[in-house]
Amino acid sequence: MTATHYDPDLPKSAEELELEGIVYRLVHQLYAAREDSAEYKMIKRQLEGIRHGSELGGLLMQEVDMSGMSAVNHW
């Protein structure tokens, strides 16, 4: 198994673009959900799974963190 090399300055692959789209949709849904709702908790678990589930997911989540989306910064 080869490690994923991620460079934010290089064009993204289809896999990276798809995962990035999923992450940004989840983050926007998280902002729209009521904080203590089941929906909010489910989205937080999904984002945490993406962050810790793969190297690419972790790197994309770091990119989201750096973009100022504070809802996901605390993981």
C-alpha atoms as a PDB file:
ATOM      1  CA  MET A   1       0.000   0.000   0.000  1.00  0.00           C
ATOM      2  CA  THR A   2       1.482   3.316  -1.013  1.00  0.00           C
ATOM      3  CA  ALA A   3       1.119   6.479   1.023  1.00  0.00           C
ATOM      4  CA  THR A   4      -0.947   9.262  -0.445  1.00  0.00           C
ATOM      5  CA  HIS A   5       1.155  12.274  -1.332  1.00  0.00           C
ATOM      6  CA  TYR A   6      -0.953  15.370  -0.962  1.00  0.00           C
ATOM      7  CA  ASP A   7       0.204  18.776  -2.111  1.00  0.00           C
ATOM      8  CA  PRO A   8      -2.377  21.591  -2.014  1.00  0.00           C
ATOM      9  CA  ASP A   9      -0.514  23.395  -4.812  1.00  0.00           C
ATOM     10  CA  LEU A  10      -0.884  20.514  -7.308  1.00  0.00           C
ATOM     11  CA  PRO A  11      -4.106  19.863  -9.242  1.00  0.00           C
ATOM     12  CA  LYS A  12      -6.353  17.511  -7.289  1.00  0.00           C
ATOM     13  CA  SER A  13      -7.305  14.038  -8.443  1.00  0.00           C
ATOM     14  CA  ALA A  14     -10.941  13.025  -8.881  1.00  0.00           C
ATOM     15  CA  GLU A  15     -10.765  11.185  -5.531  1.00  0.00           C
ATOM     16  CA  GLU A  16      -9.444  14.280  -3.742  1.00  0.00           C
ATOM     17  CA  LEU A  17     -12.082  16.516  -5.323  1.00  0.00           C
ATOM     18  CA  GLU A  18     -14.872  14.117  -4.383  1.00  0.00           C
ATOM     19  CA  LEU A  19     -13.722  13.816  -0.768  1.00  0.00           C
ATOM     20  CA  GLU A  20     -13.203  17.574  -0.517  1.00  0.00           C
ATOM     21  CA  GLY A  21     -16.748  18.153  -1.778  1.00  0.00           C
ATOM     22  CA  ILE A  22     -18.126  15.734   0.794  1.00  0.00           C
ATOM     23  CA  VAL A  23     -16.178  17.431   3.602  1.00  0.00           C
ATOM     24  CA  TYR A  24     -17.346  20.923   2.641  1.00  0.00           C
ATOM     25  CA  ARG A  25     -20.975  19.774   2.328  1.00  0.00           C
ATOM     26  CA  LEU A  26     -20.772  18.169   5.776  1.00  0.00           C
ATOM     27  CA  VAL A  27     -19.216  21.301   7.283  1.00  0.00           C
ATOM     28  CA  HIS A  28     -21.982  23.488   5.831  1.00  0.00           C
ATOM     29  CA  GLN A  29     -24.614  21.057   7.156  1.00  0.00           C
ATOM     30  CA  LEU A  30     -22.895  21.157  10.547  1.00  0.00           C
ATOM     31  CA  TYR A  31     -23.180  24.955  10.658  1.00  0.00           C
ATOM     32  CA  ALA A  32     -26.888  24.718   9.752  1.00  0.00           C
ATOM     33  CA  ALA A  33     -27.716  22.040  12.356  1.00  0.00           C
ATOM     34  CA  ARG A  34     -28.758  22.818  15.928  1.00  0.00           C
ATOM     35  CA  GLU A  35     -25.742  22.161  18.163  1.00  0.00           C
ATOM     36  CA  ASP A  36     -27.227  19.471  20.418  1.00  0.00           C
ATOM     37  CA  SER A  37     -29.302  17.765  17.742  1.00  0.00           C
ATOM     38  CA  ALA A  38     -28.820  14.210  16.533  1.00  0.00           C
ATOM     39  CA  GLU A  39     -27.992  15.582  13.073  1.00  0.00           C
ATOM     40  CA  TYR A  40     -25.165  17.733  14.494  1.00  0.00           C
ATOM     41  CA  LYS A  41     -23.700  14.803  16.424  1.00  0.00           C
ATOM     42  CA  MET A  42     -23.911  12.498  13.398  1.00  0.00           C
ATOM     43  CA  ILE A  43     -22.141  15.025  11.153  1.00  0.00           C
ATOM     44  CA  LYS A  44     -19.399  15.528  13.760  1.00  0.00           C
ATOM     45  CA  ARG A  45     -18.848  11.748  13.871  1.00  0.00           C
ATOM     46  CA  GLN A  46     -18.674  11.602  10.077  1.00  0.00           C
ATOM     47  CA  LEU A  47     -16.116  14.426   9.948  1.00  0.00           C
ATOM     48  CA  GLU A  48     -14.066  12.782  12.676  1.00  0.00           C
ATOM     49  CA  GLY A  49     -14.138   9.508  10.730  1.00  0.00           C
ATOM     50  CA  ILE A  50     -12.896  11.276   7.609  1.00  0.00           C
ATOM     51  CA  ARG A  51     -10.136  13.012   9.579  1.00  0.00           C
ATOM     52  CA  HIS A  52      -8.865   9.793  11.165  1.00  0.00           C
ATOM     53  CA  GLY A  53      -9.901   7.265   8.503  1.00  0.00           C
ATOM     54  CA  SER A  54      -7.211   7.946   5.928  1.00  0.00           C
ATOM     55  CA  GLU A  55      -4.148  10.047   5.312  1.00  0.00           C
ATOM     56  CA  LEU A  56      -5.911  11.911   2.521  1.00  0.00           C
ATOM     57  CA  GLY A  57      -8.911  12.587   4.748  1.00  0.00           C
ATOM     58  CA  GLY A  58      -6.672  13.929   7.505  1.00  0.00           C
ATOM     59  CA  LEU A  59      -4.817  16.189   5.101  1.00  0.00           C
ATOM     60  CA  LEU A  60      -8.024  17.516   3.571  1.00  0.00           C
ATOM     61  CA  MET A  61      -9.412  18.200   7.040  1.00  0.00           C
ATOM     62  CA  GLN A  62      -6.241  20.160   7.869  1.00  0.00           C
ATOM     63  CA  GLU A  63      -6.868  22.223   4.741  1.00  0.00           C
ATOM     64  CA  VAL A  64     -10.431  22.873   5.907  1.00  0.00           C
ATOM     65  CA  ASP A  65      -9.111  23.876   9.340  1.00  0.00           C
ATOM     66  CA  MET A  66      -6.691  26.348   7.777  1.00  0.00           C
ATOM     67  CA  SER A  67      -9.489  27.857   5.673  1.00  0.00           C
ATOM     68  CA  GLY A  68     -11.086  29.145   8.866  1.00  0.00           C
ATOM     69  CA  MET A  69     -13.977  26.733   9.263  1.00  0.00           C
ATOM     70  CA  SER A  70     -13.870  26.758  13.050  1.00  0.00           C
ATOM     71  CA  ALA A  71     -16.590  24.126  13.480  1.00  0.00           C
ATOM     72  CA  VAL A  72     -14.083  21.388  12.738  1.00  0.00           C
ATOM     73  CA  ASN A  73     -10.943  22.906  14.287  1.00  0.00           C
ATOM     74  CA  HIS A  74     -11.335  21.291  17.695  1.00  0.00           C
ATOM     75  CA  TRP A  75     -10.573  17.690  16.618  1.00  0.00           C
END
